[in-house]
Amino acid sequence: MANYSHAGDHTILQNVSPLATFLKLTSLGFIIGVGVVGNLLISILLVKDKSLHRAPYYFLLDLCASDILRSAICFPFVFTSVKNGSAWTYGTLTCKVIAFLGVLSCFHTAFMLFCVSVTCCLKFHYFCQVFFSCSLFIQSYYFSYE
């Protein structure tokens, strides 16, 4: 059983109305633009404001950098693929690299949000018990190798 990318008949994917293609390209362009500009503005704010130079905001800065890279690297390939009638014209290796970067970015986002929640939890629970500290260590170790 072949994937659509390896199937001999591409008529299902290429017979999309021009209006649907226009709406997809418009929404993808909007996502790319907002993703790059919005995360860049937040990054500039986090770097310039000295009161935000604390652990949760460093994680947020890392999250912004990851989102900028995903919006600037992965989404343009998807944009071009949709523009070409959902046909991938870059080859198998590029497909695997872009898919890897997309999945890596998603797991990185989940891990950074976990780190932000742990730092906020530790902030409000200043005095941690041994069990709580061990469970946080085990969870972070588990998520880093998941």
C-alpha atoms as a PDB file:
ATOM      1  CA  MET A   1       0.000   0.000   0.000  1.00  0.00           C
ATOM      2  CA  ALA A   2       1.586   3.265  -1.089  1.00  0.00           C
ATOM      3  CA  ASN A   3       1.327   6.715   0.419  1.00  0.00           C
ATOM      4  CA  TYR A   4      -0.193   9.507  -1.591  1.00  0.00           C
ATOM      5  CA  SER A   5       3.297  10.880  -2.147  1.00  0.00           C
ATOM      6  CA  HIS A   6       4.370   7.600  -3.779  1.00  0.00           C
ATOM      7  CA  ALA A   7       1.131   6.661  -5.482  1.00  0.00           C
ATOM      8  CA  GLY A   8       0.968   6.619  -9.244  1.00  0.00           C
ATOM      9  CA  ASP A   9      -2.355   8.473  -9.441  1.00  0.00           C
ATOM     10  CA  HIS A  10      -2.157  12.020  -8.068  1.00  0.00           C
ATOM     11  CA  THR A  11      -5.510  13.156  -9.441  1.00  0.00           C
ATOM     12  CA  ILE A  12      -7.201  13.083  -6.027  1.00  0.00           C
ATOM     13  CA  LEU A  13      -4.771  15.592  -4.552  1.00  0.00           C
ATOM     14  CA  GLN A  14      -4.326  17.783  -7.615  1.00  0.00           C
ATOM     15  CA  ASN A  15      -8.006  18.326  -8.449  1.00  0.00           C
ATOM     16  CA  VAL A  16      -8.541  20.999  -5.816  1.00  0.00           C
ATOM     17  CA  SER A  17     -10.539  24.085  -6.664  1.00  0.00           C
ATOM     18  CA  PRO A  18      -8.592  27.322  -7.112  1.00  0.00           C
ATOM     19  CA  LEU A  19     -10.617  28.933  -4.318  1.00  0.00           C
ATOM     20  CA  ALA A  20      -9.620  26.213  -1.844  1.00  0.00           C
ATOM     21  CA  THR A  21      -5.981  26.554  -2.884  1.00  0.00           C
ATOM     22  CA  PHE A  22      -6.167  30.334  -2.500  1.00  0.00           C
ATOM     23  CA  LEU A  23      -7.679  30.012   0.976  1.00  0.00           C
ATOM     24  CA  LYS A  24      -5.026  27.490   2.016  1.00  0.00           C
ATOM     25  CA  LEU A  25      -2.195  29.657   0.698  1.00  0.00           C
ATOM     26  CA  THR A  26      -3.644  32.764   2.336  1.00  0.00           C
ATOM     27  CA  SER A  27      -4.018  31.069   5.701  1.00  0.00           C
ATOM     28  CA  LEU A  28      -0.522  29.537   5.498  1.00  0.00           C
ATOM     29  CA  GLY A  29       0.954  32.921   4.577  1.00  0.00           C
ATOM     30  CA  PHE A  30      -0.874  34.490   7.513  1.00  0.00           C
ATOM     31  CA  ILE A  31       0.415  31.775   9.871  1.00  0.00           C
ATOM     32  CA  ILE A  32       3.985  32.229   8.608  1.00  0.00           C
ATOM     33  CA  GLY A  33       3.814  36.013   8.926  1.00  0.00           C
ATOM     34  CA  VAL A  34       2.222  36.085  12.367  1.00  0.00           C
ATOM     35  CA  GLY A  35       4.481  33.274  13.576  1.00  0.00           C
ATOM     36  CA  VAL A  36       7.680  35.037  12.581  1.00  0.00           C
ATOM     37  CA  VAL A  37       6.709  38.630  13.404  1.00  0.00           C
ATOM     38  CA  GLY A  38       4.848  37.871  16.644  1.00  0.00           C
ATOM     39  CA  ASN A  39       7.547  35.643  18.078  1.00  0.00           C
ATOM     40  CA  LEU A  40      10.230  38.092  16.977  1.00  0.00           C
ATOM     41  CA  LEU A  41       8.462  40.943  18.798  1.00  0.00           C
ATOM     42  CA  ILE A  42       8.103  38.854  21.955  1.00  0.00           C
ATOM     43  CA  SER A  43      11.785  37.883  21.723  1.00  0.00           C
ATOM     44  CA  ILE A  44      12.837  41.524  21.408  1.00  0.00           C
ATOM     45  CA  LEU A  45      10.686  42.426  24.413  1.00  0.00           C
ATOM     46  CA  LEU A  46      12.186  39.612  26.490  1.00  0.00           C
ATOM     47  CA  VAL A  47      15.739  40.622  25.601  1.00  0.00           C
ATOM     48  CA  LYS A  48      15.303  44.380  26.149  1.00  0.00           C
ATOM     49  CA  ASP A  49      13.327  44.345  29.412  1.00  0.00           C
ATOM     50  CA  LYS A  50      15.738  43.614  32.275  1.00  0.00           C
ATOM     51  CA  SER A  51      12.918  42.658  34.658  1.00  0.00           C
ATOM     52  CA  LEU A  52      12.127  39.669  32.432  1.00  0.00           C
ATOM     53  CA  HIS A  53      15.589  38.116  32.751  1.00  0.00           C
ATOM     54  CA  ARG A  54      14.438  35.175  34.867  1.00  0.00           C
ATOM     55  CA  ALA A  55      14.129  31.426  34.310  1.00  0.00           C
ATOM     56  CA  PRO A  56      10.540  31.181  32.968  1.00  0.00           C
ATOM     57  CA  TYR A  57      11.205  33.961  30.487  1.00  0.00           C
ATOM     58  CA  TYR A  58      14.387  32.296  29.253  1.00  0.00           C
ATOM     59  CA  PHE A  59      12.291  29.234  28.482  1.00  0.00           C
ATOM     60  CA  LEU A  60       9.785  31.494  26.725  1.00  0.00           C
ATOM     61  CA  LEU A  61      12.610  33.050  24.698  1.00  0.00           C
ATOM     62  CA  ASP A  62      13.761  29.571  23.676  1.00  0.00           C
ATOM     63  CA  LEU A  63      10.182  28.718  22.732  1.00  0.00           C
ATOM     64  CA  CYS A  64       9.957  31.862  20.588  1.00  0.00           C
ATOM     65  CA  ALA A  65      13.196  30.974  18.804  1.00  0.00           C
ATOM     66  CA  SER A  66      11.891  27.481  18.092  1.00  0.00           C
ATOM     67  CA  ASP A  67       8.620  28.836  16.725  1.00  0.00           C
ATOM     68  CA  ILE A  68      10.443  31.347  14.531  1.00  0.00           C
ATOM     69  CA  LEU A  69      12.609  28.591  13.063  1.00  0.00           C
ATOM     70  CA  ARG A  70       9.599  26.360  12.468  1.00  0.00           C
ATOM     71  CA  SER A  71       7.658  29.167  10.806  1.00  0.00           C
ATOM     72  CA  ALA A  72      10.628  30.240   8.699  1.00  0.00           C
ATOM     73  CA  ILE A  73      11.917  26.783   7.711  1.00  0.00           C
ATOM     74  CA  CYS A  74       9.094  24.220   7.738  1.00  0.00           C
ATOM     75  CA  PHE A  75       6.053  26.224   6.679  1.00  0.00           C
ATOM     76  CA  PRO A  76       7.483  27.632   3.408  1.00  0.00           C
ATOM     77  CA  PHE A  77       7.982  24.064   2.159  1.00  0.00           C
ATOM     78  CA  VAL A  78       4.346  23.290   2.977  1.00  0.00           C
ATOM     79  CA  PHE A  79       3.338  26.551   1.273  1.00  0.00           C
ATOM     80  CA  THR A  80       5.192  25.565  -1.908  1.00  0.00           C
ATOM     81  CA  SER A  81       3.732  22.066  -1.788  1.00  0.00           C
ATOM     82  CA  VAL A  82       0.183  23.422  -1.592  1.00  0.00           C
ATOM     83  CA  LYS A  83       0.989  25.883  -4.381  1.00  0.00           C
ATOM     84  CA  ASN A  84       2.126  22.970  -6.590  1.00  0.00           C
ATOM     85  CA  GLY A  85      -1.112  21.055  -6.091  1.00  0.00           C
ATOM     86  CA  SER A  86       0.017  19.112  -3.002  1.00  0.00           C
ATOM     87  CA  ALA A  87       2.939  17.624  -4.917  1.00  0.00           C
ATOM     88  CA  TRP A  88       6.291  17.418  -3.137  1.00  0.00           C
ATOM     89  CA  THR A  89       9.004  18.501  -5.549  1.00  0.00           C
ATOM     90  CA  TYR A  90      12.018  18.561  -3.231  1.00  0.00           C
ATOM     91  CA  GLY A  91      12.911  14.891  -2.965  1.00  0.00           C
ATOM     92  CA  THR A  92      12.769  12.241  -0.286  1.00  0.00           C
ATOM     93  CA  LEU A  93      15.662  13.484   1.854  1.00  0.00           C
ATOM     94  CA  THR A  94      14.242  16.999   2.111  1.00  0.00           C
ATOM     95  CA  CYS A  95      10.855  15.553   3.021  1.00  0.00           C
ATOM     96  CA  LYS A  96      12.404  13.543   5.839  1.00  0.00           C
ATOM     97  CA  VAL A  97      14.447  16.496   7.118  1.00  0.00           C
ATOM     98  CA  ILE A  98      11.459  18.864   7.124  1.00  0.00           C
ATOM     99  CA  ALA A  99       9.276  16.228   8.800  1.00  0.00           C
ATOM    100  CA  PHE A 100      11.985  15.668  11.424  1.00  0.00           C
ATOM    101  CA  LEU A 101      12.283  19.405  12.099  1.00  0.00           C
ATOM    102  CA  GLY A 102       8.507  19.739  12.420  1.00  0.00           C
ATOM    103  CA  VAL A 103       8.231  16.870  14.895  1.00  0.00           C
ATOM    104  CA  LEU A 104      11.311  18.055  16.800  1.00  0.00           C
ATOM    105  CA  SER A 105       9.775  21.504  17.082  1.00  0.00           C
ATOM    106  CA  CYS A 106       6.510  20.095  18.431  1.00  0.00           C
ATOM    107  CA  PHE A 107       8.250  17.984  21.089  1.00  0.00           C
ATOM    108  CA  HIS A 108      10.539  20.888  21.932  1.00  0.00           C
ATOM    109  CA  THR A 109       7.488  23.093  22.457  1.00  0.00           C
ATOM    110  CA  ALA A 110       5.892  20.531  24.762  1.00  0.00           C
ATOM    111  CA  PHE A 111       9.106  20.156  26.757  1.00  0.00           C
ATOM    112  CA  MET A 112       9.612  23.926  27.086  1.00  0.00           C
ATOM    113  CA  LEU A 113       6.042  24.387  28.306  1.00  0.00           C
ATOM    114  CA  PHE A 114       6.694  21.624  30.825  1.00  0.00           C
ATOM    115  CA  CYS A 115       9.844  23.437  31.988  1.00  0.00           C
ATOM    116  CA  VAL A 116       7.922  26.705  32.360  1.00  0.00           C
ATOM    117  CA  SER A 117       5.257  24.965  34.424  1.00  0.00           C
ATOM    118  CA  VAL A 118       7.893  23.316  36.637  1.00  0.00           C
ATOM    119  CA  THR A 119       9.664  26.613  37.297  1.00  0.00           C
ATOM    120  CA  CYS A 120       6.369  28.305  38.118  1.00  0.00           C
ATOM    121  CA  CYS A 121       5.409  25.407  40.375  1.00  0.00           C
ATOM    122  CA  LEU A 122       8.733  25.622  42.177  1.00  0.00           C
ATOM    123  CA  LYS A 123       8.265  29.348  42.561  1.00  0.00           C
ATOM    124  CA  PHE A 124       4.970  28.904  44.383  1.00  0.00           C
ATOM    125  CA  HIS A 125       6.086  25.834  46.319  1.00  0.00           C
ATOM    126  CA  TYR A 126       9.332  27.221  47.639  1.00  0.00           C
ATOM    127  CA  PHE A 127       9.752  24.518  50.212  1.00  0.00           C
ATOM    128  CA  CYS A 128       9.637  21.247  48.274  1.00  0.00           C
ATOM    129  CA  GLN A 129       9.372  17.908  49.904  1.00  0.00           C
ATOM    130  CA  VAL A 130      11.682  15.095  48.842  1.00  0.00           C
ATOM    131  CA  PHE A 131       8.917  13.155  47.066  1.00  0.00           C
ATOM    132  CA  PHE A 132       7.850  16.214  45.073  1.00  0.00           C
ATOM    133  CA  SER A 133      11.432  16.987  44.016  1.00  0.00           C
ATOM    134  CA  CYS A 134      12.068  13.385  42.986  1.00  0.00           C
ATOM    135  CA  SER A 135       8.851  13.229  40.980  1.00  0.00           C
ATOM    136  CA  LEU A 136       9.788  16.422  39.095  1.00  0.00           C
ATOM    137  CA  PHE A 137      13.221  14.993  38.331  1.00  0.00           C
ATOM    138  CA  ILE A 138      11.748  11.710  37.075  1.00  0.00           C
ATOM    139  CA  GLN A 139       9.154  13.496  34.929  1.00  0.00           C
ATOM    140  CA  SER A 140      11.716  15.784  33.323  1.00  0.00           C
ATOM    141  CA  TYR A 141      14.024  12.818  32.675  1.00  0.00           C
ATOM    142  CA  TYR A 142      11.129  10.877  31.132  1.00  0.00           C
ATOM    143  CA  PHE A 143      10.056  13.727  28.860  1.00  0.00           C
ATOM    144  CA  SER A 144      13.593  14.437  27.721  1.00  0.00           C
ATOM    145  CA  TYR A 145      13.951  10.880  26.385  1.00  0.00           C
ATOM    146  CA  GLU A 146      10.362  10.389  25.217  1.00  0.00           C
END
